[in-house]
Amino acid sequence: MRFPFDPTAPVIAVDVEIVIGGASFLLEMILDTGATQTIVDSHVLSRYKSVPIATSVSQTITALGGSPAAREHELDRPTALANTHPMMRVLAMDTQMLGYDGLLGKDFLQNKVLTLDFRQGTIELI
């Protein structure tokens, strides 16, 4: 299934459905093929009552113009571009300055084929 995107926009934004505590929420995230791990805004996760993984250690990452600390969270069945990941660990950090709910990283794209057609303005993940 192909989805439209604006090839003239500064970023490629995609809708991502996440599940926390049995409830689903729709987020708008930047597709970031350079991000190793998916990042979800910490304010969004706290608003939806996501709790960091208890055994997880805080990580320091280099992204978004600095090296902030980030905590891991587990999301059940995140879905984007008609693809669902059964369970996924994401990093929580402040992404509000981007104007989006986070970054959809390479961990979501693993073992898939991503096609960006800038002439047609379509994106497909199979």
PDB file of N, CA and C in Angstrom:
ATOM      1  N   MET A   1       0.838  -1.167   0.000  1.00  0.00           N
ATOM      2  CA  MET A   1       0.000   0.000   0.000  1.00  0.00           C
ATOM      3  C   MET A   1       0.891   1.241   0.000  1.00  0.00           C
ATOM      4  N   ARG A   2       0.567   2.175  -0.889  1.00  0.00           N
ATOM      5  CA  ARG A   2       1.329   3.422  -0.973  1.00  0.00           C
ATOM      6  C   ARG A   2       0.610   4.530  -0.222  1.00  0.00           C
ATOM      7  N   PHE A   3       1.419   5.395   0.392  1.00  0.00           N
ATOM      8  CA  PHE A   3       0.894   6.526   1.147  1.00  0.00           C
ATOM      9  C   PHE A   3       1.480   7.805   0.569  1.00  0.00           C
ATOM     10  N   PRO A   4       0.693   8.869   0.530  1.00  0.00           N
ATOM     11  CA  PRO A   4       1.222  10.124  -0.001  1.00  0.00           C
ATOM     12  C   PRO A   4       2.108  10.847   1.015  1.00  0.00           C
ATOM     13  N   PHE A   5       3.079  11.598   0.506  1.00  0.00           N
ATOM     14  CA  PHE A   5       3.861  12.515   1.328  1.00  0.00           C
ATOM     15  C   PHE A   5       4.214  13.707   0.457  1.00  0.00           C
ATOM     16  N   ASP A   6       4.569  14.795   1.111  1.00  0.00           N
ATOM     17  CA  ASP A   6       4.914  16.017   0.391  1.00  0.00           C
ATOM     18  C   ASP A   6       6.418  16.038   0.135  1.00  0.00           C
ATOM     19  N   PRO A   7       6.841  15.803  -1.117  1.00  0.00           N
ATOM     20  CA  PRO A   7       8.284  15.772  -1.395  1.00  0.00           C
ATOM     21  C   PRO A   7       8.968  17.128  -1.250  1.00  0.00           C
ATOM     22  N   THR A   8       8.199  18.210  -1.140  1.00  0.00           N
ATOM     23  CA  THR A   8       8.793  19.532  -0.966  1.00  0.00           C
ATOM     24  C   THR A   8       8.910  19.925   0.508  1.00  0.00           C
ATOM     25  N   ALA A   9       8.319  19.139   1.405  1.00  0.00           N
ATOM     26  CA  ALA A   9       8.371  19.434   2.842  1.00  0.00           C
ATOM     27  C   ALA A   9       9.782  19.178   3.367  1.00  0.00           C
ATOM     28  N   PRO A  10      10.167  19.848   4.461  1.00  0.00           N
ATOM     29  CA  PRO A  10      11.511  19.650   5.010  1.00  0.00           C
ATOM     30  C   PRO A  10      11.727  18.262   5.620  1.00  0.00           C
ATOM     31  N   VAL A  11      10.647  17.567   6.016  1.00  0.00           N
ATOM     32  CA  VAL A  11      10.744  16.211   6.579  1.00  0.00           C
ATOM     33  C   VAL A  11       9.640  15.352   5.978  1.00  0.00           C
ATOM     34  N   ILE A  12       9.793  14.045   6.107  1.00  0.00           N
ATOM     35  CA  ILE A  12       8.735  13.119   5.715  1.00  0.00           C
ATOM     36  C   ILE A  12       8.039  12.690   7.001  1.00  0.00           C
ATOM     37  N   ALA A  13       6.801  13.114   7.168  1.00  0.00           N
ATOM     38  CA  ALA A  13       6.032  12.797   8.368  1.00  0.00           C
ATOM     39  C   ALA A  13       5.081  11.640   8.074  1.00  0.00           C
ATOM     40  N   VAL A  14       4.988  10.708   9.024  1.00  0.00           N
ATOM     41  CA  VAL A  14       4.100   9.560   8.884  1.00  0.00           C
ATOM     42  C   VAL A  14       3.260   9.413  10.148  1.00  0.00           C
ATOM     43  N   ASP A  15       2.065   8.865   9.982  1.00  0.00           N
ATOM     44  CA  ASP A  15       1.215   8.551  11.128  1.00  0.00           C
ATOM     45  C   ASP A  15       1.661   7.229  11.725  1.00  0.00           C
ATOM     46  N   VAL A  16       1.773   7.193  13.045  1.00  0.00           N
ATOM     47  CA  VAL A  16       2.181   5.988  13.757  1.00  0.00           C
ATOM     48  C   VAL A  16       1.167   5.752  14.875  1.00  0.00           C
ATOM     49  N   GLU A  17       0.574   4.568  14.877  1.00  0.00           N
ATOM     50  CA  GLU A  17      -0.345   4.202  15.949  1.00  0.00           C
ATOM     51  C   GLU A  17       0.447   3.410  16.980  1.00  0.00           C
ATOM     52  N   ILE A  18       0.350   3.811  18.247  1.00  0.00           N
ATOM     53  CA  ILE A  18       1.020   3.088  19.325  1.00  0.00           C
ATOM     54  C   ILE A  18      -0.028   2.582  20.301  1.00  0.00           C
ATOM     55  N   VAL A  19       0.316   1.528  21.028  1.00  0.00           N
ATOM     56  CA  VAL A  19      -0.571   0.958  22.033  1.00  0.00           C
ATOM     57  C   VAL A  19       0.135   1.032  23.380  1.00  0.00           C
ATOM     58  N   ILE A  20      -0.540   1.642  24.353  1.00  0.00           N
ATOM     59  CA  ILE A  20      -0.027   1.735  25.721  1.00  0.00           C
ATOM     60  C   ILE A  20      -1.157   1.323  26.643  1.00  0.00           C
ATOM     61  N   GLY A  21      -0.920   0.313  27.446  1.00  0.00           N
ATOM     62  CA  GLY A  21      -1.932  -0.136  28.396  1.00  0.00           C
ATOM     63  C   GLY A  21      -3.241  -0.548  27.739  1.00  0.00           C
ATOM     64  N   GLY A  22      -3.175  -1.111  26.558  1.00  0.00           N
ATOM     65  CA  GLY A  22      -4.374  -1.568  25.861  1.00  0.00           C
ATOM     66  C   GLY A  22      -5.094  -0.497  25.068  1.00  0.00           C
ATOM     67  N   ALA A  23      -4.696   0.761  25.213  1.00  0.00           N
ATOM     68  CA  ALA A  23      -5.327   1.854  24.456  1.00  0.00           C
ATOM     69  C   ALA A  23      -4.408   2.276  23.317  1.00  0.00           C
ATOM     70  N   SER A  24      -5.009   2.620  22.170  1.00  0.00           N
ATOM     71  CA  SER A  24      -4.186   3.042  21.032  1.00  0.00           C
ATOM     72  C   SER A  24      -4.251   4.552  20.850  1.00  0.00           C
ATOM     73  N   PHE A  25      -3.129   5.103  20.372  1.00  0.00           N
ATOM     74  CA  PHE A  25      -2.985   6.538  20.186  1.00  0.00           C
ATOM     75  C   PHE A  25      -2.315   6.788  18.844  1.00  0.00           C
ATOM     76  N   LEU A  26      -2.728   7.829  18.148  1.00  0.00           N
ATOM     77  CA  LEU A  26      -2.153   8.159  16.850  1.00  0.00           C
ATOM     78  C   LEU A  26      -1.163   9.303  17.013  1.00  0.00           C
ATOM     79  N   LEU A  27       0.067   9.090  16.533  1.00  0.00           N
ATOM     80  CA  LEU A  27       1.122  10.085  16.609  1.00  0.00           C
ATOM     81  C   LEU A  27       1.557  10.475  15.202  1.00  0.00           C
ATOM     82  N   GLU A  28       2.101  11.669  15.059  1.00  0.00           N
ATOM     83  CA  GLU A  28       2.714  12.093  13.811  1.00  0.00           C
ATOM     84  C   GLU A  28       4.219  12.158  14.061  1.00  0.00           C
ATOM     85  N   MET A  29       4.966  11.322  13.325  1.00  0.00           N
ATOM     86  CA  MET A  29       6.400  11.206  13.566  1.00  0.00           C
ATOM     87  C   MET A  29       7.179  11.423  12.272  1.00  0.00           C
ATOM     88  N   ILE A  30       8.418  11.828  12.422  1.00  0.00           N
ATOM     89  CA  ILE A  30       9.310  12.017  11.281  1.00  0.00           C
ATOM     90  C   ILE A  30       9.946  10.673  10.936  1.00  0.00           C
ATOM     91  N   LEU A  31       9.887  10.300   9.665  1.00  0.00           N
ATOM     92  CA  LEU A  31      10.595   9.114   9.202  1.00  0.00           C
ATOM     93  C   LEU A  31      12.076   9.475   9.146  1.00  0.00           C
ATOM     94  N   ASP A  32      12.893   8.766   9.921  1.00  0.00           N
ATOM     95  CA  ASP A  32      14.319   9.099  10.024  1.00  0.00           C
ATOM     96  C   ASP A  32      15.149   7.843   9.790  1.00  0.00           C
ATOM     97  N   THR A  33      15.602   7.650   8.560  1.00  0.00           N
ATOM     98  CA  THR A  33      16.388   6.464   8.230  1.00  0.00           C
ATOM     99  C   THR A  33      17.796   6.523   8.819  1.00  0.00           C
ATOM    100  N   GLY A  34      18.172   7.643   9.400  1.00  0.00           N
ATOM    101  CA  GLY A  34      19.476   7.775  10.050  1.00  0.00           C
ATOM    102  C   GLY A  34      19.430   7.496  11.539  1.00  0.00           C
ATOM    103  N   ALA A  35      18.219   7.379  12.103  1.00  0.00           N
ATOM    104  CA  ALA A  35      18.074   7.095  13.535  1.00  0.00           C
ATOM    105  C   ALA A  35      18.108   5.585  13.751  1.00  0.00           C
ATOM    106  N   THR A  36      19.015   5.120  14.573  1.00  0.00           N
ATOM    107  CA  THR A  36      19.128   3.690  14.845  1.00  0.00           C
ATOM    108  C   THR A  36      17.899   3.174  15.580  1.00  0.00           C
ATOM    109  N   GLN A  37      17.408   3.946  16.537  1.00  0.00           N
ATOM    110  CA  GLN A  37      16.274   3.519  17.356  1.00  0.00           C
ATOM    111  C   GLN A  37      15.177   4.574  17.285  1.00  0.00           C
ATOM    112  N   THR A  38      13.935   4.113  17.322  1.00  0.00           N
ATOM    113  CA  THR A  38      12.780   5.005  17.306  1.00  0.00           C
ATOM    114  C   THR A  38      12.743   5.814  18.595  1.00  0.00           C
ATOM    115  N   ILE A  39      12.407   7.095  18.464  1.00  0.00           N
ATOM    116  CA  ILE A  39      12.311   8.009  19.594  1.00  0.00           C
ATOM    117  C   ILE A  39      10.883   8.552  19.649  1.00  0.00           C
ATOM    118  N   VAL A  40      10.272   8.478  20.819  1.00  0.00           N
ATOM    119  CA  VAL A  40       8.942   9.043  21.022  1.00  0.00           C
ATOM    120  C   VAL A  40       9.069  10.147  22.061  1.00  0.00           C
ATOM    121  N   ASP A  41       8.378  11.251  21.814  1.00  0.00           N
ATOM    122  CA  ASP A  41       8.455  12.388  22.725  1.00  0.00           C
ATOM    123  C   ASP A  41       8.084  11.974  24.149  1.00  0.00           C
ATOM    124  N   SER A  42       8.914  12.347  25.106  1.00  0.00           N
ATOM    125  CA  SER A  42       8.690  11.970  26.506  1.00  0.00           C
ATOM    126  C   SER A  42       7.387  12.549  27.048  1.00  0.00           C
ATOM    127  N   HIS A  43       6.997  13.732  26.582  1.00  0.00           N
ATOM    128  CA  HIS A  43       5.733  14.329  27.036  1.00  0.00           C
ATOM    129  C   HIS A  43       4.538  13.511  26.566  1.00  0.00           C
ATOM    130  N   VAL A  44       4.621  12.985  25.349  1.00  0.00           N
ATOM    131  CA  VAL A  44       3.547  12.138  24.809  1.00  0.00           C
ATOM    132  C   VAL A  44       3.439  10.861  25.629  1.00  0.00           C
ATOM    133  N   LEU A  45       4.575  10.224  25.901  1.00  0.00           N
ATOM    134  CA  LEU A  45       4.553   8.978  26.662  1.00  0.00           C
ATOM    135  C   LEU A  45       4.027   9.187  28.075  1.00  0.00           C
ATOM    136  N   SER A  46       4.393  10.284  28.716  1.00  0.00           N
ATOM    137  CA  SER A  46       3.891  10.520  30.074  1.00  0.00           C
ATOM    138  C   SER A  46       2.398  10.871  30.052  1.00  0.00           C
ATOM    139  N   ARG A  47       1.955  11.596  29.020  1.00  0.00           N
ATOM    140  CA  ARG A  47       0.525  11.924  28.887  1.00  0.00           C
ATOM    141  C   ARG A  47      -0.309  10.649  28.773  1.00  0.00           C
ATOM    142  N   TYR A  48       0.217   9.649  28.066  1.00  0.00           N
ATOM    143  CA  TYR A  48      -0.511   8.395  27.878  1.00  0.00           C
ATOM    144  C   TYR A  48      -0.144   7.347  28.921  1.00  0.00           C
ATOM    145  N   LYS A  49       0.592   7.755  29.953  1.00  0.00           N
ATOM    146  CA  LYS A  49       0.906   6.920  31.121  1.00  0.00           C
ATOM    147  C   LYS A  49       1.802   5.726  30.800  1.00  0.00           C
ATOM    148  N   SER A  50       2.734   5.894  29.869  1.00  0.00           N
ATOM    149  CA  SER A  50       3.715   4.852  29.608  1.00  0.00           C
ATOM    150  C   SER A  50       4.780   4.908  30.688  1.00  0.00           C
ATOM    151  N   VAL A  51       5.169   3.745  31.185  1.00  0.00           N
ATOM    152  CA  VAL A  51       6.157   3.661  32.252  1.00  0.00           C
ATOM    153  C   VAL A  51       7.463   3.111  31.662  1.00  0.00           C
ATOM    154  N   PRO A  52       8.613   3.738  31.991  1.00  0.00           N
ATOM    155  CA  PRO A  52       9.892   3.217  31.482  1.00  0.00           C
ATOM    156  C   PRO A  52      10.102   1.769  31.903  1.00  0.00           C
ATOM    157  N   ILE A  53      10.875   1.040  31.121  1.00  0.00           N
ATOM    158  CA  ILE A  53      11.202  -0.338  31.453  1.00  0.00           C
ATOM    159  C   ILE A  53      12.023  -0.321  32.736  1.00  0.00           C
ATOM    160  N   ALA A  54      11.573  -1.055  33.746  1.00  0.00           N
ATOM    161  CA  ALA A  54      12.191  -1.009  35.079  1.00  0.00           C
ATOM    162  C   ALA A  54      13.652  -1.438  35.053  1.00  0.00           C
ATOM    163  N   THR A  55      13.983  -2.431  34.245  1.00  0.00           N
ATOM    164  CA  THR A  55      15.356  -2.936  34.231  1.00  0.00           C
ATOM    165  C   THR A  55      16.246  -2.142  33.286  1.00  0.00           C
ATOM    166  N   SER A  56      15.656  -1.202  32.580  1.00  0.00           N
ATOM    167  CA  SER A  56      16.406  -0.428  31.598  1.00  0.00           C
ATOM    168  C   SER A  56      17.309   0.591  32.280  1.00  0.00           C
ATOM    169  N   VAL A  57      18.447   0.801  31.689  1.00  0.00           N
ATOM    170  CA  VAL A  57      19.366   1.830  32.154  1.00  0.00           C
ATOM    171  C   VAL A  57      19.192   3.044  31.253  1.00  0.00           C
ATOM    172  N   SER A  58      19.281   4.196  31.816  1.00  0.00           N
ATOM    173  CA  SER A  58      19.205   5.418  31.024  1.00  0.00           C
ATOM    174  C   SER A  58      20.347   5.438  30.024  1.00  0.00           C
ATOM    175  N   GLN A  59      20.053   5.830  28.785  1.00  0.00           N
ATOM    176  CA  GLN A  59      21.061   5.883  27.737  1.00  0.00           C
ATOM    177  C   GLN A  59      21.351   7.324  27.367  1.00  0.00           C
ATOM    178  N   THR A  60      22.563   7.576  26.940  1.00  0.00           N
ATOM    179  CA  THR A  60      22.900   8.880  26.386  1.00  0.00           C
ATOM    180  C   THR A  60      23.056   8.694  24.892  1.00  0.00           C
ATOM    181  N   ILE A  61      22.362   9.522  24.124  1.00  0.00           N
ATOM    182  CA  ILE A  61      22.420   9.395  22.672  1.00  0.00           C
ATOM    183  C   ILE A  61      22.832  10.721  22.067  1.00  0.00           C
ATOM    184  N   THR A  62      23.391  10.631  20.878  1.00  0.00           N
ATOM    185  CA  THR A  62      23.754  11.833  20.154  1.00  0.00           C
ATOM    186  C   THR A  62      22.710  12.036  19.073  1.00  0.00           C
ATOM    187  N   ALA A  63      21.856  13.032  19.287  1.00  0.00           N
ATOM    188  CA  ALA A  63      20.775  13.305  18.340  1.00  0.00           C
ATOM    189  C   ALA A  63      20.154  14.639  18.671  1.00  0.00           C
ATOM    190  N   LEU A  64      19.424  15.153  17.723  1.00  0.00           N
ATOM    191  CA  LEU A  64      18.624  16.357  17.939  1.00  0.00           C
ATOM    192  C   LEU A  64      19.441  17.513  18.500  1.00  0.00           C
ATOM    193  N   GLY A  65      20.670  17.622  18.056  1.00  0.00           N
ATOM    194  CA  GLY A  65      21.489  18.761  18.435  1.00  0.00           C
ATOM    195  C   GLY A  65      22.141  18.679  19.794  1.00  0.00           C
ATOM    196  N   GLY A  66      22.200  17.499  20.397  1.00  0.00           N
ATOM    197  CA  GLY A  66      22.827  17.383  21.703  1.00  0.00           C
ATOM    198  C   GLY A  66      23.005  15.931  22.081  1.00  0.00           C
ATOM    199  N   SER A  67      23.309  15.691  23.362  1.00  0.00           N
ATOM    200  CA  SER A  67      23.484  14.329  23.864  1.00  0.00           C
ATOM    201  C   SER A  67      22.660  14.143  25.132  1.00  0.00           C
ATOM    202  N   PRO A  68      21.329  14.128  24.997  1.00  0.00           N
ATOM    203  CA  PRO A  68      20.486  13.999  26.182  1.00  0.00           C
ATOM    204  C   PRO A  68      20.392  12.553  26.662  1.00  0.00           C
ATOM    205  N   ALA A  69      19.971  12.381  27.905  1.00  0.00           N
ATOM    206  CA  ALA A  69      19.703  11.048  28.436  1.00  0.00           C
ATOM    207  C   ALA A  69      18.307  10.641  27.994  1.00  0.00           C
ATOM    208  N   ALA A  70      18.124   9.353  27.742  1.00  0.00           N
ATOM    209  CA  ALA A  70      16.834   8.854  27.293  1.00  0.00           C
ATOM    210  C   ALA A  70      16.535   7.528  27.980  1.00  0.00           C
ATOM    211  N   ARG A  71      15.279   7.318  28.349  1.00  0.00           N
ATOM    212  CA  ARG A  71      14.835   6.067  28.971  1.00  0.00           C
ATOM    213  C   ARG A  71      14.107   5.228  27.941  1.00  0.00           C
ATOM    214  N   GLU A  72      14.244   3.907  28.058  1.00  0.00           N
ATOM    215  CA  GLU A  72      13.544   3.009  27.151  1.00  0.00           C
ATOM    216  C   GLU A  72      12.126   2.721  27.642  1.00  0.00           C
ATOM    217  N   HIS A  73      11.225   2.587  26.684  1.00  0.00           N
ATOM    218  CA  HIS A  73       9.840   2.183  26.925  1.00  0.00           C
ATOM    219  C   HIS A  73       9.514   1.062  25.941  1.00  0.00           C
ATOM    220  N   GLU A  74       8.597   0.186  26.317  1.00  0.00           N
ATOM    221  CA  GLU A  74       8.129  -0.846  25.400  1.00  0.00           C
ATOM    222  C   GLU A  74       6.753  -0.466  24.887  1.00  0.00           C
ATOM    223  N   LEU A  75       6.581  -0.567  23.574  1.00  0.00           N
ATOM    224  CA  LEU A  75       5.280  -0.313  22.961  1.00  0.00           C
ATOM    225  C   LEU A  75       4.784  -1.603  22.327  1.00  0.00           C
ATOM    226  N   ASP A  76       3.521  -1.915  22.551  1.00  0.00           N
ATOM    227  CA  ASP A  76       2.893  -3.070  21.914  1.00  0.00           C
ATOM    228  C   ASP A  76       2.338  -2.663  20.560  1.00  0.00           C
ATOM    229  N   ARG A  77       2.682  -3.405  19.548  1.00  0.00           N
ATOM    230  CA  ARG A  77       2.107  -3.283  18.217  1.00  0.00           C
ATOM    231  C   ARG A  77       2.131  -1.879  17.608  1.00  0.00           C
ATOM    232  N   PRO A  78       3.279  -1.177  17.595  1.00  0.00           N
ATOM    233  CA  PRO A  78       3.295   0.096  16.868  1.00  0.00           C
ATOM    234  C   PRO A  78       3.053  -0.181  15.384  1.00  0.00           C
ATOM    235  N   THR A  79       2.238   0.658  14.750  1.00  0.00           N
ATOM    236  CA  THR A  79       1.865   0.463  13.356  1.00  0.00           C
ATOM    237  C   THR A  79       2.127   1.742  12.576  1.00  0.00           C
ATOM    238  N   ALA A  80       2.785   1.596  11.429  1.00  0.00           N
ATOM    239  CA  ALA A  80       3.039   2.722  10.524  1.00  0.00           C
ATOM    240  C   ALA A  80       3.120   2.188   9.104  1.00  0.00           C
ATOM    241  N   LEU A  81       2.596   2.951   8.175  1.00  0.00           N
ATOM    242  CA  LEU A  81       2.689   2.600   6.758  1.00  0.00           C
ATOM    243  C   LEU A  81       2.202   1.173   6.504  1.00  0.00           C
ATOM    244  N   ALA A  82       1.085   0.806   7.155  1.00  0.00           N
ATOM    245  CA  ALA A  82       0.432  -0.500   7.009  1.00  0.00           C
ATOM    246  C   ALA A  82       1.302  -1.662   7.481  1.00  0.00           C
ATOM    247  N   ASN A  83       2.270  -1.388   8.354  1.00  0.00           N
ATOM    248  CA  ASN A  83       3.132  -2.420   8.928  1.00  0.00           C
ATOM    249  C   ASN A  83       3.062  -2.333  10.447  1.00  0.00           C
ATOM    250  N   THR A  84       2.957  -3.493  11.086  1.00  0.00           N
ATOM    251  CA  THR A  84       2.884  -3.556  12.540  1.00  0.00           C
ATOM    252  C   THR A  84       4.078  -4.325  13.076  1.00  0.00           C
ATOM    253  N   HIS A  85       4.703  -3.759  14.082  1.00  0.00           N
ATOM    254  CA  HIS A  85       5.812  -4.405  14.779  1.00  0.00           C
ATOM    255  C   HIS A  85       5.198  -5.030  16.032  1.00  0.00           C
ATOM    256  N   PRO A  86       5.474  -6.302  16.357  1.00  0.00           N
ATOM    257  CA  PRO A  86       4.796  -6.932  17.498  1.00  0.00           C
ATOM    258  C   PRO A  86       5.077  -6.259  18.847  1.00  0.00           C
ATOM    259  N   MET A  87       6.302  -5.907  19.106  1.00  0.00           N
ATOM    260  CA  MET A  87       6.698  -5.205  20.331  1.00  0.00           C
ATOM    261  C   MET A  87       7.976  -4.477  19.991  1.00  0.00           C
ATOM    262  N   MET A  88       8.109  -3.289  20.539  1.00  0.00           N
ATOM    263  CA  MET A  88       9.265  -2.492  20.169  1.00  0.00           C
ATOM    264  C   MET A  88       9.724  -1.658  21.352  1.00  0.00           C
ATOM    265  N   ARG A  89      11.030  -1.604  21.549  1.00  0.00           N
ATOM    266  CA  ARG A  89      11.597  -0.717  22.557  1.00  0.00           C
ATOM    267  C   ARG A  89      11.922   0.607  21.882  1.00  0.00           C
ATOM    268  N   VAL A  90      11.450   1.675  22.476  1.00  0.00           N
ATOM    269  CA  VAL A  90      11.697   3.011  21.944  1.00  0.00           C
ATOM    270  C   VAL A  90      12.364   3.846  23.021  1.00  0.00           C
ATOM    271  N   LEU A  91      13.020   4.916  22.598  1.00  0.00           N
ATOM    272  CA  LEU A  91      13.620   5.855  23.545  1.00  0.00           C
ATOM    273  C   LEU A  91      12.671   7.017  23.751  1.00  0.00           C
ATOM    274  N   ALA A  92      12.590   7.500  24.965  1.00  0.00           N
ATOM    275  CA  ALA A  92      11.771   8.666  25.293  1.00  0.00           C
ATOM    276  C   ALA A  92      12.684   9.862  25.506  1.00  0.00           C
ATOM    277  N   MET A  93      12.428  10.930  24.749  1.00  0.00           N
ATOM    278  CA  MET A  93      13.150  12.172  24.958  1.00  0.00           C
ATOM    279  C   MET A  93      12.313  13.326  24.422  1.00  0.00           C
ATOM    280  N   ASP A  94      12.663  14.527  24.769  1.00  0.00           N
ATOM    281  CA  ASP A  94      11.906  15.711  24.363  1.00  0.00           C
ATOM    282  C   ASP A  94      12.159  16.002  22.890  1.00  0.00           C
ATOM    283  N   THR A  95      11.100  15.878  22.085  1.00  0.00           N
ATOM    284  CA  THR A  95      11.200  16.191  20.655  1.00  0.00           C
ATOM    285  C   THR A  95      10.257  17.325  20.268  1.00  0.00           C
ATOM    286  N   GLN A  96       9.729  18.040  21.260  1.00  0.00           N
ATOM    287  CA  GLN A  96       8.749  19.091  20.969  1.00  0.00           C
ATOM    288  C   GLN A  96       9.310  20.189  20.070  1.00  0.00           C
ATOM    289  N   MET A  97      10.617  20.434  20.133  1.00  0.00           N
ATOM    290  CA  MET A  97      11.186  21.491  19.297  1.00  0.00           C
ATOM    291  C   MET A  97      11.101  21.141  17.811  1.00  0.00           C
ATOM    292  N   LEU A  98      10.894  19.855  17.514  1.00  0.00           N
ATOM    293  CA  LEU A  98      10.736  19.434  16.121  1.00  0.00           C
ATOM    294  C   LEU A  98       9.326  19.689  15.601  1.00  0.00           C
ATOM    295  N   GLY A  99       8.359  19.800  16.520  1.00  0.00           N
ATOM    296  CA  GLY A  99       6.973  19.966  16.120  1.00  0.00           C
ATOM    297  C   GLY A  99       6.299  18.648  15.770  1.00  0.00           C
ATOM    298  N   TYR A 100       6.930  17.528  16.115  1.00  0.00           N
ATOM    299  CA  TYR A 100       6.391  16.201  15.846  1.00  0.00           C
ATOM    300  C   TYR A 100       6.483  15.362  17.116  1.00  0.00           C
ATOM    301  N   ASP A 101       5.814  14.204  17.098  1.00  0.00           N
ATOM    302  CA  ASP A 101       5.763  13.334  18.275  1.00  0.00           C
ATOM    303  C   ASP A 101       6.949  12.391  18.396  1.00  0.00           C
ATOM    304  N   GLY A 102       7.912  12.489  17.491  1.00  0.00           N
ATOM    305  CA  GLY A 102       9.093  11.653  17.584  1.00  0.00           C
ATOM    306  C   GLY A 102       9.683  11.338  16.229  1.00  0.00           C
ATOM    307  N   LEU A 103      10.589  10.350  16.240  1.00  0.00           N
ATOM    308  CA  LEU A 103      11.287   9.907  15.033  1.00  0.00           C
ATOM    309  C   LEU A 103      11.061   8.410  14.865  1.00  0.00           C
ATOM    310  N   LEU A 104      10.597   8.000  13.708  1.00  0.00           N
ATOM    311  CA  LEU A 104      10.454   6.583  13.395  1.00  0.00           C
ATOM    312  C   LEU A 104      11.765   6.131  12.771  1.00  0.00           C
ATOM    313  N   GLY A 105      12.503   5.281  13.502  1.00  0.00           N
ATOM    314  CA  GLY A 105      13.861   4.935  13.110  1.00  0.00           C
ATOM    315  C   GLY A 105      14.011   3.623  12.370  1.00  0.00           C
ATOM    316  N   LYS A 106      15.283   3.277  12.142  1.00  0.00           N
ATOM    317  CA  LYS A 106      15.617   2.076  11.384  1.00  0.00           C
ATOM    318  C   LYS A 106      15.157   0.802  12.065  1.00  0.00           C
ATOM    319  N   ASP A 107      15.009   0.805  13.389  1.00  0.00           N
ATOM    320  CA  ASP A 107      14.562  -0.412  14.071  1.00  0.00           C
ATOM    321  C   ASP A 107      13.167  -0.828  13.603  1.00  0.00           C
ATOM    322  N   PHE A 108      12.323   0.121  13.237  1.00  0.00           N
ATOM    323  CA  PHE A 108      10.997  -0.202  12.718  1.00  0.00           C
ATOM    324  C   PHE A 108      11.087  -0.701  11.270  1.00  0.00           C
ATOM    325  N   LEU A 109      12.087  -0.246  10.543  1.00  0.00           N
ATOM    326  CA  LEU A 109      12.230  -0.556   9.121  1.00  0.00           C
ATOM    327  C   LEU A 109      12.986  -1.860   8.856  1.00  0.00           C
ATOM    328  N   GLN A 110      13.599  -2.459   9.893  1.00  0.00           N
ATOM    329  CA  GLN A 110      14.407  -3.672   9.716  1.00  0.00           C
ATOM    330  C   GLN A 110      13.664  -4.724   8.917  1.00  0.00           C
ATOM    331  N   ASN A 111      14.381  -5.387   8.012  1.00  0.00           N
ATOM    332  CA  ASN A 111      13.861  -6.495   7.206  1.00  0.00           C
ATOM    333  C   ASN A 111      12.678  -6.103   6.319  1.00  0.00           C
ATOM    334  N   LYS A 112      12.588  -4.854   5.966  1.00  0.00           N
ATOM    335  CA  LYS A 112      11.524  -4.356   5.097  1.00  0.00           C
ATOM    336  C   LYS A 112      12.156  -3.645   3.903  1.00  0.00           C
ATOM    337  N   VAL A 113      11.337  -3.372   2.911  1.00  0.00           N
ATOM    338  CA  VAL A 113      11.760  -2.587   1.758  1.00  0.00           C
ATOM    339  C   VAL A 113      11.025  -1.256   1.823  1.00  0.00           C
ATOM    340  N   LEU A 114      11.774  -0.171   1.917  1.00  0.00           N
ATOM    341  CA  LEU A 114      11.217   1.175   1.966  1.00  0.00           C
ATOM    342  C   LEU A 114      11.423   1.823   0.604  1.00  0.00           C
ATOM    343  N   THR A 115      10.330   2.296   0.008  1.00  0.00           N
ATOM    344  CA  THR A 115      10.411   2.972  -1.278  1.00  0.00           C
ATOM    345  C   THR A 115       9.853   4.379  -1.138  1.00  0.00           C
ATOM    346  N   LEU A 116      10.696   5.363  -1.429  1.00  0.00           N
ATOM    347  CA  LEU A 116      10.283   6.765  -1.443  1.00  0.00           C
ATOM    348  C   LEU A 116      10.308   7.230  -2.892  1.00  0.00           C
ATOM    349  N   ASP A 117       9.156   7.577  -3.422  1.00  0.00           N
ATOM    350  CA  ASP A 117       9.065   8.059  -4.799  1.00  0.00           C
ATOM    351  C   ASP A 117       8.827   9.567  -4.740  1.00  0.00           C
ATOM    352  N   PHE A 118       9.888  10.332  -4.914  1.00  0.00           N
ATOM    353  CA  PHE A 118       9.787  11.783  -4.815  1.00  0.00           C
ATOM    354  C   PHE A 118       9.082  12.391  -6.021  1.00  0.00           C
ATOM    355  N   ARG A 119       9.086  11.726  -7.148  1.00  0.00           N
ATOM    356  CA  ARG A 119       8.359  12.242  -8.315  1.00  0.00           C
ATOM    357  C   ARG A 119       6.855  12.121  -8.111  1.00  0.00           C
ATOM    358  N   GLN A 120       6.413  10.984  -7.581  1.00  0.00           N
ATOM    359  CA  GLN A 120       4.995  10.730  -7.351  1.00  0.00           C
ATOM    360  C   GLN A 120       4.520  11.255  -5.993  1.00  0.00           C
ATOM    361  N   GLY A 121       5.470  11.444  -5.057  1.00  0.00           N
ATOM    362  CA  GLY A 121       5.104  11.848  -3.701  1.00  0.00           C
ATOM    363  C   GLY A 121       4.439  10.717  -2.942  1.00  0.00           C
ATOM    364  N   THR A 122       5.002   9.484  -3.095  1.00  0.00           N
ATOM    365  CA  THR A 122       4.446   8.335  -2.397  1.00  0.00           C
ATOM    366  C   THR A 122       5.536   7.598  -1.634  1.00  0.00           C
ATOM    367  N   ILE A 123       5.099   6.916  -0.579  1.00  0.00           N
ATOM    368  CA  ILE A 123       5.986   6.120   0.260  1.00  0.00           C
ATOM    369  C   ILE A 123       5.340   4.757   0.445  1.00  0.00           C
ATOM    370  N   GLU A 124       6.181   3.722   0.426  1.00  0.00           N
ATOM    371  CA  GLU A 124       5.680   2.355   0.594  1.00  0.00           C
ATOM    372  C   GLU A 124       6.678   1.577   1.444  1.00  0.00           C
ATOM    373  N   LEU A 125       6.152   0.777   2.361  1.00  0.00           N
ATOM    374  CA  LEU A 125       6.978  -0.078   3.213  1.00  0.00           C
ATOM    375  C   LEU A 125       6.415  -1.493   3.139  1.00  0.00           C
ATOM    376  N   ILE A 126       7.214  -2.402   2.589  1.00  0.00           N
ATOM    377  CA  ILE A 126       6.734  -3.792   2.470  1.00  0.00           C
ATOM    378  C   ILE A 126       7.759  -4.745   3.057  1.00  0.00           C
TER     379      ILE A 126
END
